[in-house]
Each structure stands twice: as C-alpha cells, then as structure tokens.
Amino acid sequence: MHAESIMIIVRQSTGTYIAKAKGFKPSASCSAGPRQAAEALATKLGLSSGLLQEQRCDGLEYGRSRFVHPGSTTSN
C-alpha cells in the first residue's frame, strides 16, 4: 500500500494522451482525453481511478495535465 500521494502527469502527443507517474514504470495512453489516460494508469497501478483529482496546471508545459491520487491501492 502506498503511503504517499501519487502524481500522474498526462501529456498530449499526436492525437493521444500519455500518462506517467514518477517512480512507477507503467504508462497508459488514451485518445479520449487526459482524464481517461490518468484513470487507465491508475487502474494499471491497482489504484481506484475514482479518487483522482485534477490539479492546476501552473508551471506545466502546454498540453500537459496533472492528476493526484491519495495513494491507496484499493481498486474500483
């Protein structure tokens, strides 16, 4: 079980959104949107995608989104 929150960064690349979380090897992609890509990665990591919270994008490059998960490993 993860004790700390997990930050997922989603970037747009040629018509698809790619989600990665620092410190984790898996990534996920989705053409539907950034939230869906973040949810797909959360599911791959065994996290409840319903607990994702989108954060302000201040300081991020154009075409990027930030989502934070509290870190519990409970799946939907």
Protein backbone atom coordinates (compact mmCIF):
# COMPACT_ATOMS: atom_id res chain seq x y z
CA MET A 1 0.00 0.00 0.00
CA HIS A 2 1.36 3.41 -0.96
CA ALA A 3 1.65 5.86 1.92
CA GLU A 4 2.15 8.99 -0.16
CA SER A 5 0.06 10.62 -2.84
CA ILE A 6 0.90 9.73 -6.42
CA MET A 7 1.21 12.41 -9.08
CA ILE A 8 0.25 11.49 -12.62
CA ILE A 9 1.31 13.75 -15.46
CA VAL A 10 -0.51 13.43 -18.77
CA ARG A 11 0.88 14.85 -21.99
CA GLN A 12 -0.71 15.18 -25.38
CA SER A 13 1.17 13.66 -28.31
CA THR A 14 -0.12 13.30 -31.88
CA GLY A 15 -3.77 12.77 -31.05
CA THR A 16 -3.34 10.67 -27.92
CA TYR A 17 -2.79 11.36 -24.22
CA ILE A 18 0.05 9.56 -22.42
CA ALA A 19 0.01 9.21 -18.63
CA LYS A 20 3.05 8.52 -16.44
CA ALA A 21 3.63 8.56 -12.70
CA LYS A 22 7.05 9.39 -11.26
CA GLY A 23 8.61 6.37 -9.60
CA PHE A 24 6.44 3.85 -11.48
CA LYS A 25 7.38 2.07 -14.70
CA PRO A 26 3.92 1.54 -16.30
CA SER A 27 2.37 4.15 -18.55
CA ALA A 28 -1.04 4.34 -20.19
CA SER A 29 -2.46 6.09 -23.22
CA CYS A 30 -5.92 7.04 -24.41
CA SER A 31 -7.22 9.12 -27.30
CA ALA A 32 -10.42 10.12 -25.46
CA GLY A 33 -8.81 12.66 -23.12
CA PRO A 34 -6.31 13.33 -20.33
CA ARG A 35 -8.60 12.18 -17.50
CA GLN A 36 -9.23 8.86 -19.23
CA ALA A 37 -5.48 8.31 -19.68
CA ALA A 38 -4.87 9.09 -15.98
CA GLU A 39 -7.69 6.72 -15.00
CA ALA A 40 -6.21 3.96 -17.18
CA LEU A 41 -2.82 4.39 -15.47
CA ALA A 42 -4.40 4.40 -12.01
CA THR A 43 -6.12 1.12 -12.85
CA LYS A 44 -2.81 -0.39 -14.07
CA LEU A 45 -1.23 0.63 -10.76
CA GLY A 46 -4.05 -1.02 -8.78
CA LEU A 47 -5.45 2.34 -7.64
CA SER A 48 -9.05 3.47 -7.51
CA SER A 49 -9.47 5.76 -10.52
CA GLY A 50 -12.43 7.44 -8.81
CA LEU A 51 -10.06 9.05 -6.30
CA LEU A 52 -8.08 11.00 -8.92
CA GLN A 53 -8.17 14.77 -8.53
CA GLU A 54 -7.13 17.09 -11.35
CA GLN A 55 -4.74 19.81 -10.21
CA ARG A 56 -3.98 23.26 -11.58
CA CYS A 57 -1.51 23.23 -14.46
CA ASP A 58 0.58 26.18 -13.30
CA GLY A 59 4.18 25.60 -14.31
CA LEU A 60 3.43 22.72 -16.67
CA GLU A 61 4.23 22.81 -20.35
CA TYR A 62 1.41 23.37 -22.84
CA GLY A 63 -0.61 20.20 -23.49
CA ARG A 64 0.05 18.66 -20.07
CA SER A 65 -2.32 17.88 -17.22
CA ARG A 66 -1.67 16.90 -13.61
CA PHE A 67 -3.71 14.48 -11.52
CA VAL A 68 -3.10 13.42 -7.92
CA HIS A 69 -4.18 10.19 -6.24
CA PRO A 70 -4.09 9.82 -2.44
CA GLY A 71 -2.08 6.61 -2.83
CA SER A 72 -4.32 3.85 -1.52
CA THR A 73 -4.13 0.67 -3.60
CA THR A 74 -7.87 -0.04 -3.48
CA SER A 75 -9.30 -0.82 -6.92
CA ASN A 76 -12.83 0.06 -8.13
